[in-house]
């Protein structure tokens, strides 16, 4: 009987705890969604072209943070929204660019070289 009295509060907490966790997750997601909306207005990102692959229609860029996508700095390949973009750059070029999620691919939607 004493064991049951000692365990009962723990069982009650375990039964209620998922409700609190779900509430915190929903609040976190809502707060995060607000952050995504505000960072989506961020300007172009900066980077350095590492590779241009006209065959696959991709460009590899070593970039700083991509605020609108919530991504840290890294080097990665992107699809391009317009294949003509690949004719305007070469490996080693410094660029300002905007990348967005287009379908299943991260895609460069705007691209310009910088000095």
PDB file of N, CA and C in Angstrom:
ATOM      1  N   UNK A   1       0.819  -1.183   0.000  1.00  0.00           N
ATOM      2  CA  UNK A   1       0.000   0.000   0.000  1.00  0.00           C
ATOM      3  C   UNK A   1       0.864   1.248   0.000  1.00  0.00           C
ATOM      4  N   UNK A   2       1.935   1.262   0.842  1.00  0.00           N
ATOM      5  CA  UNK A   2       2.818   2.427   0.878  1.00  0.00           C
ATOM      6  C   UNK A   2       3.498   2.627  -0.472  1.00  0.00           C
ATOM      7  N   UNK A   3       3.857   1.532  -1.119  1.00  0.00           N
ATOM      8  CA  UNK A   3       4.492   1.627  -2.445  1.00  0.00           C
ATOM      9  C   UNK A   3       3.539   2.253  -3.452  1.00  0.00           C
ATOM     10  N   UNK A   4       2.281   1.861  -3.418  1.00  0.00           N
ATOM     11  CA  UNK A   4       1.286   2.411  -4.327  1.00  0.00           C
ATOM     12  C   UNK A   4       1.129   3.914  -4.106  1.00  0.00           C
ATOM     13  N   UNK A   5       1.119   4.348  -2.864  1.00  0.00           N
ATOM     14  CA  UNK A   5       0.995   5.777  -2.556  1.00  0.00           C
ATOM     15  C   UNK A   5       2.239   6.541  -3.028  1.00  0.00           C
ATOM     16  N   UNK A   6       3.385   5.910  -2.982  1.00  0.00           N
ATOM     17  CA  UNK A   6       4.620   6.571  -3.414  1.00  0.00           C
ATOM     18  C   UNK A   6       4.700   6.662  -4.936  1.00  0.00           C
ATOM     19  N   UNK A   7       4.177   5.670  -5.634  1.00  0.00           N
ATOM     20  CA  UNK A   7       4.271   5.621  -7.094  1.00  0.00           C
ATOM     21  C   UNK A   7       3.144   6.414  -7.763  1.00  0.00           C
ATOM     22  N   UNK A   8       2.005   6.564  -7.120  1.00  0.00           N
ATOM     23  CA  UNK A   8       0.846   7.225  -7.721  1.00  0.00           C
ATOM     24  C   UNK A   8       1.169   8.619  -8.262  1.00  0.00           C
ATOM     25  N   UNK A   9       1.883   9.473  -7.516  1.00  0.00           N
ATOM     26  CA  UNK A   9       2.186  10.805  -8.075  1.00  0.00           C
ATOM     27  C   UNK A   9       3.065  10.734  -9.326  1.00  0.00           C
ATOM     28  N   UNK A  10       3.979   9.789  -9.362  1.00  0.00           N
ATOM     29  CA  UNK A  10       4.818   9.637 -10.544  1.00  0.00           C
ATOM     30  C   UNK A  10       3.997   9.211 -11.755  1.00  0.00           C
ATOM     31  N   UNK A  11       3.062   8.294 -11.547  1.00  0.00           N
ATOM     32  CA  UNK A  11       2.198   7.851 -12.630  1.00  0.00           C
ATOM     33  C   UNK A  11       1.315   8.991 -13.130  1.00  0.00           C
ATOM     34  N   UNK A  12       0.818   9.787 -12.202  1.00  0.00           N
ATOM     35  CA  UNK A  12      -0.021  10.927 -12.590  1.00  0.00           C
ATOM     36  C   UNK A  12       0.797  11.926 -13.404  1.00  0.00           C
ATOM     37  N   UNK A  13       2.021  12.198 -12.993  1.00  0.00           N
ATOM     38  CA  UNK A  13       2.878  13.131 -13.735  1.00  0.00           C
ATOM     39  C   UNK A  13       3.187  12.594 -15.130  1.00  0.00           C
ATOM     40  N   UNK A  14       3.477  11.308 -15.221  1.00  0.00           N
ATOM     41  CA  UNK A  14       3.783  10.695 -16.519  1.00  0.00           C
ATOM     42  C   UNK A  14       2.582  10.771 -17.459  1.00  0.00           C
ATOM     43  N   UNK A  15       1.400  10.634 -16.911  1.00  0.00           N
ATOM     44  CA  UNK A  15       0.198  10.686 -17.738  1.00  0.00           C
ATOM     45  C   UNK A  15      -0.062  12.099 -18.246  1.00  0.00           C
ATOM     46  N   UNK A  16       0.260  13.110 -17.453  1.00  0.00           N
ATOM     47  CA  UNK A  16      -0.001  14.503 -17.816  1.00  0.00           C
ATOM     48  C   UNK A  16       1.150  15.096 -18.613  1.00  0.00           C
ATOM     49  N   UNK A  17       2.353  14.640 -18.405  1.00  0.00           N
ATOM     50  CA  UNK A  17       3.540  15.236 -19.025  1.00  0.00           C
ATOM     51  C   UNK A  17       3.473  15.317 -20.548  1.00  0.00           C
ATOM     52  N   UNK A  18       2.990  14.300 -21.283  1.00  0.00           N
ATOM     53  CA  UNK A  18       2.920  14.443 -22.742  1.00  0.00           C
ATOM     54  C   UNK A  18       2.064  15.623 -23.191  1.00  0.00           C
ATOM     55  N   UNK A  19       1.042  15.954 -22.406  1.00  0.00           N
ATOM     56  CA  UNK A  19       0.210  17.103 -22.749  1.00  0.00           C
ATOM     57  C   UNK A  19       1.042  18.373 -22.680  1.00  0.00           C
ATOM     58  N   UNK A  20       1.839  18.524 -21.636  1.00  0.00           N
ATOM     59  CA  UNK A  20       2.692  19.696 -21.521  1.00  0.00           C
ATOM     60  C   UNK A  20       3.733  19.718 -22.625  1.00  0.00           C
ATOM     61  N   UNK A  21       4.319  18.574 -22.922  1.00  0.00           N
ATOM     62  CA  UNK A  21       5.329  18.514 -23.975  1.00  0.00           C
ATOM     63  C   UNK A  21       4.725  18.899 -25.317  1.00  0.00           C
ATOM     64  N   UNK A  22       3.522  18.413 -25.595  1.00  0.00           N
ATOM     65  CA  UNK A  22       2.866  18.765 -26.865  1.00  0.00           C
ATOM     66  C   UNK A  22       2.586  20.250 -26.913  1.00  0.00           C
ATOM     67  N   UNK A  23       2.165  20.819 -25.796  1.00  0.00           N
ATOM     68  CA  UNK A  23       1.908  22.252 -25.751  1.00  0.00           C
ATOM     69  C   UNK A  23       3.173  23.048 -25.984  1.00  0.00           C
ATOM     70  N   UNK A  24       4.290  22.612 -25.389  1.00  0.00           N
ATOM     71  CA  UNK A  24       5.561  23.303 -25.593  1.00  0.00           C
ATOM     72  C   UNK A  24       6.014  23.185 -27.043  1.00  0.00           C
ATOM     73  N   UNK A  25       5.828  22.014 -27.636  1.00  0.00           N
ATOM     74  CA  UNK A  25       6.219  21.825 -29.027  1.00  0.00           C
ATOM     75  C   UNK A  25       5.394  22.725 -29.934  1.00  0.00           C
ATOM     76  N   UNK A  26       4.108  22.773 -29.704  1.00  0.00           N
ATOM     77  CA  UNK A  26       3.254  23.627 -30.529  1.00  0.00           C
ATOM     78  C   UNK A  26       3.654  25.084 -30.365  1.00  0.00           C
ATOM     79  N   UNK A  27       3.943  25.490 -29.136  1.00  0.00           N
ATOM     80  CA  UNK A  27       4.365  26.868 -28.913  1.00  0.00           C
ATOM     81  C   UNK A  27       5.704  27.125 -29.583  1.00  0.00           C
ATOM     82  N   UNK A  28       6.609  26.152 -29.498  1.00  0.00           N
ATOM     83  CA  UNK A  28       7.918  26.293 -30.134  1.00  0.00           C
ATOM     84  C   UNK A  28       7.760  26.390 -31.648  1.00  0.00           C
ATOM     85  N   UNK A  29       6.936  25.517 -32.243  1.00  0.00           N
ATOM     86  CA  UNK A  29       6.717  25.546 -33.686  1.00  0.00           C
ATOM     87  C   UNK A  29       6.112  26.872 -34.113  1.00  0.00           C
ATOM     88  N   UNK A  30       5.176  27.378 -33.311  1.00  0.00           N
ATOM     89  CA  UNK A  30       4.555  28.652 -33.645  1.00  0.00           C
ATOM     90  C   UNK A  30       5.583  29.773 -33.583  1.00  0.00           C
ATOM     91  N   UNK A  31       6.408  29.749 -32.552  1.00  0.00           N
ATOM     92  CA  UNK A  31       7.450  30.772 -32.435  1.00  0.00           C
ATOM     93  C   UNK A  31       8.446  30.645 -33.570  1.00  0.00           C
ATOM     94  N   UNK A  32       8.823  29.419 -33.917  1.00  0.00           N
ATOM     95  CA  UNK A  32       9.769  29.186 -34.996  1.00  0.00           C
ATOM     96  C   UNK A  32       9.179  29.634 -36.325  1.00  0.00           C
ATOM     97  N   UNK A  33       7.894  29.394 -36.522  1.00  0.00           N
ATOM     98  CA  UNK A  33       7.241  29.809 -37.767  1.00  0.00           C
ATOM     99  C   UNK A  33       7.316  31.318 -37.898  1.00  0.00           C
ATOM    100  N   UNK A  34       7.144  32.031 -36.800  1.00  0.00           N
ATOM    101  CA  UNK A  34       7.256  33.486 -36.841  1.00  0.00           C
ATOM    102  C   UNK A  34       8.660  33.915 -37.207  1.00  0.00           C
ATOM    103  N   UNK A  35       9.651  33.189 -36.722  1.00  0.00           N
ATOM    104  CA  UNK A  35      11.032  33.487 -37.058  1.00  0.00           C
ATOM    105  C   UNK A  35      11.279  33.270 -38.539  1.00  0.00           C
ATOM    106  N   UNK A  36      10.734  32.183 -39.083  1.00  0.00           N
ATOM    107  CA  UNK A  36      10.921  31.911 -40.502  1.00  0.00           C
ATOM    108  C   UNK A  36      10.320  33.023 -41.347  1.00  0.00           C
ATOM    109  N   UNK A  37       9.167  33.518 -40.933  1.00  0.00           N
ATOM    110  CA  UNK A  37       8.527  34.576 -41.699  1.00  0.00           C
ATOM    111  C   UNK A  37       9.394  35.820 -41.695  1.00  0.00           C
ATOM    112  N   UNK A  38       9.957  36.169 -40.536  1.00  0.00           N
ATOM    113  CA  UNK A  38      10.741  37.392 -40.475  1.00  0.00           C
ATOM    114  C   UNK A  38      12.084  37.242 -41.185  1.00  0.00           C
ATOM    115  N   UNK A  39      12.718  36.063 -41.148  1.00  0.00           N
ATOM    116  CA  UNK A  39      14.002  35.902 -41.813  1.00  0.00           C
ATOM    117  C   UNK A  39      13.845  35.685 -43.305  1.00  0.00           C
ATOM    118  N   UNK A  40      12.650  35.323 -43.757  1.00  0.00           N
ATOM    119  CA  UNK A  40      12.434  35.121 -45.188  1.00  0.00           C
ATOM    120  C   UNK A  40      12.628  36.432 -45.945  1.00  0.00           C
ATOM    121  N   UNK A  41      12.570  37.552 -45.243  1.00  0.00           N
ATOM    122  CA  UNK A  41      12.740  38.846 -45.877  1.00  0.00           C
ATOM    123  C   UNK A  41      14.216  39.243 -45.958  1.00  0.00           C
ATOM    124  N   UNK A  42      15.101  38.359 -45.510  1.00  0.00           N
ATOM    125  CA  UNK A  42      16.526  38.648 -45.537  1.00  0.00           C
ATOM    126  C   UNK A  42      16.993  38.818 -46.981  1.00  0.00           C
ATOM    127  N   UNK A  43      18.010  39.653 -47.150  1.00  0.00           N
ATOM    128  CA  UNK A  43      18.533  39.899 -48.491  1.00  0.00           C
ATOM    129  C   UNK A  43      19.342  38.732 -49.014  1.00  0.00           C
ATOM    130  N   UNK A  44      19.974  38.947 -50.155  1.00  0.00           N
ATOM    131  CA  UNK A  44      20.786  37.885 -50.763  1.00  0.00           C
ATOM    132  C   UNK A  44      21.931  37.447 -49.851  1.00  0.00           C
ATOM    133  N   UNK A  45      22.369  36.224 -50.044  1.00  0.00           N
ATOM    134  CA  UNK A  45      23.513  35.688 -49.314  1.00  0.00           C
ATOM    135  C   UNK A  45      24.771  35.876 -50.149  1.00  0.00           C
ATOM    136  N   UNK A  46      25.919  35.783 -49.482  1.00  0.00           N
ATOM    137  CA  UNK A  46      27.200  35.900 -50.174  1.00  0.00           C
ATOM    138  C   UNK A  46      27.858  34.540 -50.255  1.00  0.00           C
ATOM    139  N   UNK A  47      28.635  34.357 -51.321  1.00  0.00           N
ATOM    140  CA  UNK A  47      29.338  33.099 -51.455  1.00  0.00           C
ATOM    141  C   UNK A  47      30.401  33.158 -52.525  1.00  0.00           C
ATOM    142  N   UNK A  48      31.103  32.038 -52.677  1.00  0.00           N
ATOM    143  CA  UNK A  48      32.123  31.877 -53.704  1.00  0.00           C
ATOM    144  C   UNK A  48      31.778  30.646 -54.526  1.00  0.00           C
ATOM    145  N   UNK A  49      31.729  30.811 -55.838  1.00  0.00           N
ATOM    146  CA  UNK A  49      31.427  29.692 -56.725  1.00  0.00           C
ATOM    147  C   UNK A  49      32.602  28.719 -56.701  1.00  0.00           C
ATOM    148  N   UNK A  50      32.319  27.474 -56.425  1.00  0.00           N
ATOM    149  CA  UNK A  50      33.346  26.437 -56.418  1.00  0.00           C
ATOM    150  C   UNK A  50      33.317  25.608 -57.687  1.00  0.00           C
ATOM    151  N   UNK A  51      32.102  25.428 -58.272  1.00  0.00           N
ATOM    152  CA  UNK A  51      31.977  24.601 -59.465  1.00  0.00           C
ATOM    153  C   UNK A  51      30.711  24.993 -60.217  1.00  0.00           C
ATOM    154  N   UNK A  52      30.803  24.983 -61.525  1.00  0.00           N
ATOM    155  CA  UNK A  52      29.637  25.199 -62.385  1.00  0.00           C
ATOM    156  C   UNK A  52      29.500  23.942 -63.236  1.00  0.00           C
ATOM    157  N   UNK A  53      28.360  23.267 -63.146  1.00  0.00           N
ATOM    158  CA  UNK A  53      28.133  22.042 -63.899  1.00  0.00           C
ATOM    159  C   UNK A  53      26.918  22.234 -64.798  1.00  0.00           C
ATOM    160  N   UNK A  54      27.184  22.625 -66.049  1.00  0.00           N
ATOM    161  CA  UNK A  54      26.100  22.891 -66.991  1.00  0.00           C
ATOM    162  C   UNK A  54      25.363  21.615 -67.381  1.00  0.00           C
ATOM    163  N   UNK A  55      26.048  20.476 -67.314  1.00  0.00           N
ATOM    164  CA  UNK A  55      25.421  19.202 -67.673  1.00  0.00           C
ATOM    165  C   UNK A  55      24.272  18.862 -66.733  1.00  0.00           C
ATOM    166  N   UNK A  56      24.485  19.064 -65.427  1.00  0.00           N
ATOM    167  CA  UNK A  56      23.448  18.745 -64.446  1.00  0.00           C
ATOM    168  C   UNK A  56      22.595  19.962 -64.079  1.00  0.00           C
ATOM    169  N   UNK A  57      23.026  21.147 -64.539  1.00  0.00           N
ATOM    170  CA  UNK A  57      22.283  22.365 -64.196  1.00  0.00           C
ATOM    171  C   UNK A  57      22.449  22.762 -62.747  1.00  0.00           C
ATOM    172  N   UNK A  58      23.668  22.519 -62.210  1.00  0.00           N
ATOM    173  CA  UNK A  58      23.920  22.829 -60.796  1.00  0.00           C
ATOM    174  C   UNK A  58      25.132  23.723 -60.642  1.00  0.00           C
ATOM    175  N   UNK A  59      25.119  24.453 -59.537  1.00  0.00           N
ATOM    176  CA  UNK A  59      26.230  25.316 -59.170  1.00  0.00           C
ATOM    177  C   UNK A  59      26.595  25.007 -57.723  1.00  0.00           C
ATOM    178  N   UNK A  60      27.880  24.837 -57.457  1.00  0.00           N
ATOM    179  CA  UNK A  60      28.353  24.587 -56.098  1.00  0.00           C
ATOM    180  C   UNK A  60      28.888  25.900 -55.550  1.00  0.00           C
ATOM    181  N   UNK A  61      28.366  26.292 -54.388  1.00  0.00           N
ATOM    182  CA  UNK A  61      28.730  27.567 -53.775  1.00  0.00           C
ATOM    183  C   UNK A  61      29.150  27.343 -52.331  1.00  0.00           C
ATOM    184  N   UNK A  62      30.289  27.933 -51.973  1.00  0.00           N
ATOM    185  CA  UNK A  62      30.696  28.004 -50.566  1.00  0.00           C
ATOM    186  C   UNK A  62      30.049  29.286 -50.053  1.00  0.00           C
ATOM    187  N   UNK A  63      29.103  29.141 -49.143  1.00  0.00           N
ATOM    188  CA  UNK A  63      28.297  30.299 -48.742  1.00  0.00           C
ATOM    189  C   UNK A  63      28.291  30.535 -47.245  1.00  0.00           C
ATOM    190  N   UNK A  64      27.911  31.743 -46.896  1.00  0.00           N
ATOM    191  CA  UNK A  64      27.670  32.105 -45.508  1.00  0.00           C
ATOM    192  C   UNK A  64      26.288  31.611 -45.110  1.00  0.00           C
ATOM    193  N   UNK A  65      25.784  32.070 -43.976  1.00  0.00           N
ATOM    194  CA  UNK A  65      24.457  31.638 -43.525  1.00  0.00           C
ATOM    195  C   UNK A  65      23.376  32.008 -44.544  1.00  0.00           C
ATOM    196  N   UNK A  66      22.428  31.105 -44.731  1.00  0.00           N
ATOM    197  CA  UNK A  66      21.266  31.382 -45.574  1.00  0.00           C
ATOM    198  C   UNK A  66      20.096  31.614 -44.624  1.00  0.00           C
ATOM    199  N   UNK A  67      19.905  32.869 -44.260  1.00  0.00           N
ATOM    200  CA  UNK A  67      18.918  33.220 -43.233  1.00  0.00           C
ATOM    201  C   UNK A  67      17.515  32.772 -43.604  1.00  0.00           C
ATOM    202  N   UNK A  68      17.138  32.923 -44.866  1.00  0.00           N
ATOM    203  CA  UNK A  68      15.772  32.567 -45.252  1.00  0.00           C
ATOM    204  C   UNK A  68      15.512  31.064 -45.204  1.00  0.00           C
ATOM    205  N   UNK A  69      16.569  30.255 -45.232  1.00  0.00           N
ATOM    206  CA  UNK A  69      16.418  28.804 -45.155  1.00  0.00           C
ATOM    207  C   UNK A  69      16.849  28.246 -43.798  1.00  0.00           C
ATOM    208  N   UNK A  70      17.372  29.116 -42.931  1.00  0.00           N
ATOM    209  CA  UNK A  70      17.832  28.666 -41.623  1.00  0.00           C
ATOM    210  C   UNK A  70      19.040  27.750 -41.704  1.00  0.00           C
ATOM    211  N   UNK A  71      19.910  27.976 -42.704  1.00  0.00           N
ATOM    212  CA  UNK A  71      21.071  27.108 -42.905  1.00  0.00           C
ATOM    213  C   UNK A  71      22.356  27.795 -42.466  1.00  0.00           C
ATOM    214  N   UNK A  72      23.265  27.042 -41.857  1.00  0.00           N
ATOM    215  CA  UNK A  72      24.561  27.598 -41.482  1.00  0.00           C
ATOM    216  C   UNK A  72      25.486  27.674 -42.703  1.00  0.00           C
ATOM    217  N   UNK A  73      26.630  28.316 -42.551  1.00  0.00           N
ATOM    218  CA  UNK A  73      27.603  28.353 -43.651  1.00  0.00           C
ATOM    219  C   UNK A  73      28.056  26.948 -44.029  1.00  0.00           C
ATOM    220  N   UNK A  74      28.233  26.715 -45.333  1.00  0.00           N
ATOM    221  CA  UNK A  74      28.718  25.425 -45.825  1.00  0.00           C
ATOM    222  C   UNK A  74      28.994  25.540 -47.317  1.00  0.00           C
ATOM    223  N   UNK A  75      29.492  24.477 -47.899  1.00  0.00           N
ATOM    224  CA  UNK A  75      29.657  24.385 -49.346  1.00  0.00           C
ATOM    225  C   UNK A  75      28.677  23.333 -49.837  1.00  0.00           C
ATOM    226  N   UNK A  76      27.853  23.715 -50.827  1.00  0.00           N
ATOM    227  CA  UNK A  76      26.867  22.765 -51.331  1.00  0.00           C
ATOM    228  C   UNK A  76      26.482  23.085 -52.766  1.00  0.00           C
ATOM    229  N   UNK A  77      25.938  22.082 -53.438  1.00  0.00           N
ATOM    230  CA  UNK A  77      25.463  22.235 -54.810  1.00  0.00           C
ATOM    231  C   UNK A  77      23.989  22.615 -54.788  1.00  0.00           C
ATOM    232  N   UNK A  78      23.641  23.548 -55.656  1.00  0.00           N
ATOM    233  CA  UNK A  78      22.263  24.004 -55.805  1.00  0.00           C
ATOM    234  C   UNK A  78      21.828  23.789 -57.246  1.00  0.00           C
ATOM    235  N   UNK A  79      20.547  23.520 -57.441  1.00  0.00           N
ATOM    236  CA  UNK A  79      19.954  23.603 -58.775  1.00  0.00           C
ATOM    237  C   UNK A  79      19.857  25.096 -59.098  1.00  0.00           C
ATOM    238  N   UNK A  80      19.649  25.421 -60.363  1.00  0.00           N
ATOM    239  CA  UNK A  80      19.442  26.829 -60.728  1.00  0.00           C
ATOM    240  C   UNK A  80      18.071  26.975 -61.372  1.00  0.00           C
ATOM    241  N   UNK A  81      17.428  28.086 -61.066  1.00  0.00           N
ATOM    242  CA  UNK A  81      16.106  28.335 -61.614  1.00  0.00           C
ATOM    243  C   UNK A  81      16.132  28.582 -63.107  1.00  0.00           C
ATOM    244  N   UNK A  82      17.244  29.167 -63.588  1.00  0.00           N
ATOM    245  CA  UNK A  82      17.394  29.471 -65.007  1.00  0.00           C
ATOM    246  C   UNK A  82      18.782  29.005 -65.441  1.00  0.00           C
ATOM    247  N   UNK A  83      18.872  28.041 -66.349  1.00  0.00           N
ATOM    248  CA  UNK A  83      20.179  27.527 -66.785  1.00  0.00           C
ATOM    249  C   UNK A  83      21.116  28.616 -67.323  1.00  0.00           C
ATOM    250  N   UNK A  84      20.575  29.726 -67.811  1.00  0.00           N
ATOM    251  CA  UNK A  84      21.403  30.829 -68.310  1.00  0.00           C
ATOM    252  C   UNK A  84      22.270  31.434 -67.206  1.00  0.00           C
ATOM    253  N   UNK A  85      21.878  31.261 -65.950  1.00  0.00           N
ATOM    254  CA  UNK A  85      22.690  31.760 -64.825  1.00  0.00           C
ATOM    255  C   UNK A  85      24.088  31.157 -64.854  1.00  0.00           C
ATOM    256  N   UNK A  86      24.180  29.906 -65.292  1.00  0.00           N
ATOM    257  CA  UNK A  86      25.463  29.205 -65.271  1.00  0.00           C
ATOM    258  C   UNK A  86      26.451  29.784 -66.282  1.00  0.00           C
ATOM    259  N   UNK A  87      25.960  30.490 -67.289  1.00  0.00           N
ATOM    260  CA  UNK A  87      26.834  31.118 -68.285  1.00  0.00           C
ATOM    261  C   UNK A  87      27.458  32.409 -67.763  1.00  0.00           C
ATOM    262  N   UNK A  88      26.939  32.928 -66.658  1.00  0.00           N
ATOM    263  CA  UNK A  88      27.379  34.226 -66.140  1.00  0.00           C
ATOM    264  C   UNK A  88      28.452  34.131 -65.066  1.00  0.00           C
ATOM    265  N   UNK A  89      28.754  32.905 -64.604  1.00  0.00           N
ATOM    266  CA  UNK A  89      29.711  32.736 -63.510  1.00  0.00           C
ATOM    267  C   UNK A  89      30.699  31.622 -63.816  1.00  0.00           C
ATOM    268  N   UNK A  90      31.808  31.641 -63.068  1.00  0.00           N
ATOM    269  CA  UNK A  90      32.807  30.584 -63.179  1.00  0.00           C
ATOM    270  C   UNK A  90      33.371  30.326 -61.788  1.00  0.00           C
ATOM    271  N   UNK A  91      34.058  29.210 -61.629  1.00  0.00           N
ATOM    272  CA  UNK A  91      34.676  28.874 -60.343  1.00  0.00           C
ATOM    273  C   UNK A  91      35.583  30.018 -59.904  1.00  0.00           C
ATOM    274  N   UNK A  92      35.468  30.379 -58.641  1.00  0.00           N
ATOM    275  CA  UNK A  92      36.272  31.457 -58.074  1.00  0.00           C
ATOM    276  C   UNK A  92      35.540  32.779 -57.981  1.00  0.00           C
ATOM    277  N   UNK A  93      34.441  32.944 -58.716  1.00  0.00           N
ATOM    278  CA  UNK A  93      33.670  34.192 -58.663  1.00  0.00           C
ATOM    279  C   UNK A  93      33.009  34.366 -57.305  1.00  0.00           C
ATOM    280  N   UNK A  94      33.040  35.592 -56.807  1.00  0.00           N
ATOM    281  CA  UNK A  94      32.277  35.968 -55.610  1.00  0.00           C
ATOM    282  C   UNK A  94      30.884  36.342 -56.093  1.00  0.00           C
ATOM    283  N   UNK A  95      29.867  35.874 -55.375  1.00  0.00           N
ATOM    284  CA  UNK A  95      28.502  36.121 -55.806  1.00  0.00           C
ATOM    285  C   UNK A  95      27.593  36.532 -54.651  1.00  0.00           C
ATOM    286  N   UNK A  96      26.545  37.239 -55.003  1.00  0.00           N
ATOM    287  CA  UNK A  96      25.382  37.442 -54.149  1.00  0.00           C
ATOM    288  C   UNK A  96      24.299  36.592 -54.784  1.00  0.00           C
ATOM    289  N   UNK A  97      23.584  35.827 -53.968  1.00  0.00           N
ATOM    290  CA  UNK A  97      22.564  34.944 -54.520  1.00  0.00           C
ATOM    291  C   UNK A  97      21.438  34.739 -53.525  1.00  0.00           C
ATOM    292  N   UNK A  98      20.321  34.328 -54.064  1.00  0.00           N
ATOM    293  CA  UNK A  98      19.178  33.942 -53.237  1.00  0.00           C
ATOM    294  C   UNK A  98      18.844  32.506 -53.589  1.00  0.00           C
ATOM    295  N   UNK A  99      18.698  31.687 -52.567  1.00  0.00           N
ATOM    296  CA  UNK A  99      18.309  30.292 -52.756  1.00  0.00           C
ATOM    297  C   UNK A  99      16.996  30.065 -52.023  1.00  0.00           C
ATOM    298  N   UNK A 100      16.132  29.303 -52.649  1.00  0.00           N
ATOM    299  CA  UNK A 100      14.835  28.966 -52.063  1.00  0.00           C
ATOM    300  C   UNK A 100      14.558  27.490 -52.272  1.00  0.00           C
ATOM    301  N   UNK A 101      13.633  26.968 -51.488  1.00  0.00           N
ATOM    302  CA  UNK A 101      13.169  25.598 -51.680  1.00  0.00           C
ATOM    303  C   UNK A 101      12.165  25.623 -52.826  1.00  0.00           C
ATOM    304  N   UNK A 102      12.493  24.959 -53.925  1.00  0.00           N
ATOM    305  CA  UNK A 102      11.598  24.868 -55.075  1.00  0.00           C
ATOM    306  C   UNK A 102      11.329  23.384 -55.308  1.00  0.00           C
ATOM    307  N   UNK A 103      10.127  22.961 -55.013  1.00  0.00           N
ATOM    308  CA  UNK A 103       9.820  21.528 -55.073  1.00  0.00           C
ATOM    309  C   UNK A 103      10.683  20.790 -54.066  1.00  0.00           C
ATOM    310  N   UNK A 104      11.428  19.808 -54.538  1.00  0.00           N
ATOM    311  CA  UNK A 104      12.295  19.023 -53.656  1.00  0.00           C
ATOM    312  C   UNK A 104      13.731  19.524 -53.636  1.00  0.00           C
ATOM    313  N   UNK A 105      14.024  20.598 -54.353  1.00  0.00           N
ATOM    314  CA  UNK A 105      15.423  21.020 -54.496  1.00  0.00           C
ATOM    315  C   UNK A 105      15.657  22.425 -53.960  1.00  0.00           C
ATOM    316  N   UNK A 106      16.818  22.611 -53.343  1.00  0.00           N
ATOM    317  CA  UNK A 106      17.266  23.958 -53.016  1.00  0.00           C
ATOM    318  C   UNK A 106      17.777  24.564 -54.311  1.00  0.00           C
ATOM    319  N   UNK A 107      17.221  25.702 -54.680  1.00  0.00           N
ATOM    320  CA  UNK A 107      17.452  26.272 -56.000  1.00  0.00           C
ATOM    321  C   UNK A 107      17.883  27.720 -55.904  1.00  0.00           C
ATOM    322  N   UNK A 108      18.926  28.074 -56.670  1.00  0.00           N
ATOM    323  CA  UNK A 108      19.345  29.467 -56.769  1.00  0.00           C
ATOM    324  C   UNK A 108      18.341  30.156 -57.688  1.00  0.00           C
ATOM    325  N   UNK A 109      17.668  31.157 -57.149  1.00  0.00           N
ATOM    326  CA  UNK A 109      16.648  31.876 -57.911  1.00  0.00           C
ATOM    327  C   UNK A 109      17.136  33.231 -58.399  1.00  0.00           C
ATOM    328  N   UNK A 110      18.184  33.767 -57.759  1.00  0.00           N
ATOM    329  CA  UNK A 110      18.793  35.025 -58.158  1.00  0.00           C
ATOM    330  C   UNK A 110      20.301  34.869 -57.993  1.00  0.00           C
ATOM    331  N   UNK A 111      21.064  35.410 -58.925  1.00  0.00           N
ATOM    332  CA  UNK A 111      22.518  35.257 -58.890  1.00  0.00           C
ATOM    333  C   UNK A 111      23.174  36.433 -59.593  1.00  0.00           C
ATOM    334  N   UNK A 112      24.124  37.064 -58.906  1.00  0.00           N
ATOM    335  CA  UNK A 112      24.917  38.117 -59.542  1.00  0.00           C
ATOM    336  C   UNK A 112      26.338  38.100 -58.989  1.00  0.00           C
ATOM    337  N   UNK A 113      27.300  38.372 -59.838  1.00  0.00           N
ATOM    338  CA  UNK A 113      28.695  38.409 -59.401  1.00  0.00           C
ATOM    339  C   UNK A 113      28.953  39.720 -58.686  1.00  0.00           C
ATOM    340  N   UNK A 114      29.930  39.698 -57.782  1.00  0.00           N
ATOM    341  CA  UNK A 114      30.347  40.898 -57.056  1.00  0.00           C
ATOM    342  C   UNK A 114      31.837  41.110 -57.318  1.00  0.00           C
ATOM    343  N   UNK A 115      32.301  42.243 -56.978  1.00  0.00           N
ATOM    344  CA  UNK A 115      33.720  42.566 -57.140  1.00  0.00           C
ATOM    345  C   UNK A 115      34.503  42.104 -55.952  1.00  0.00           C
TER     346      UNK A 115
END
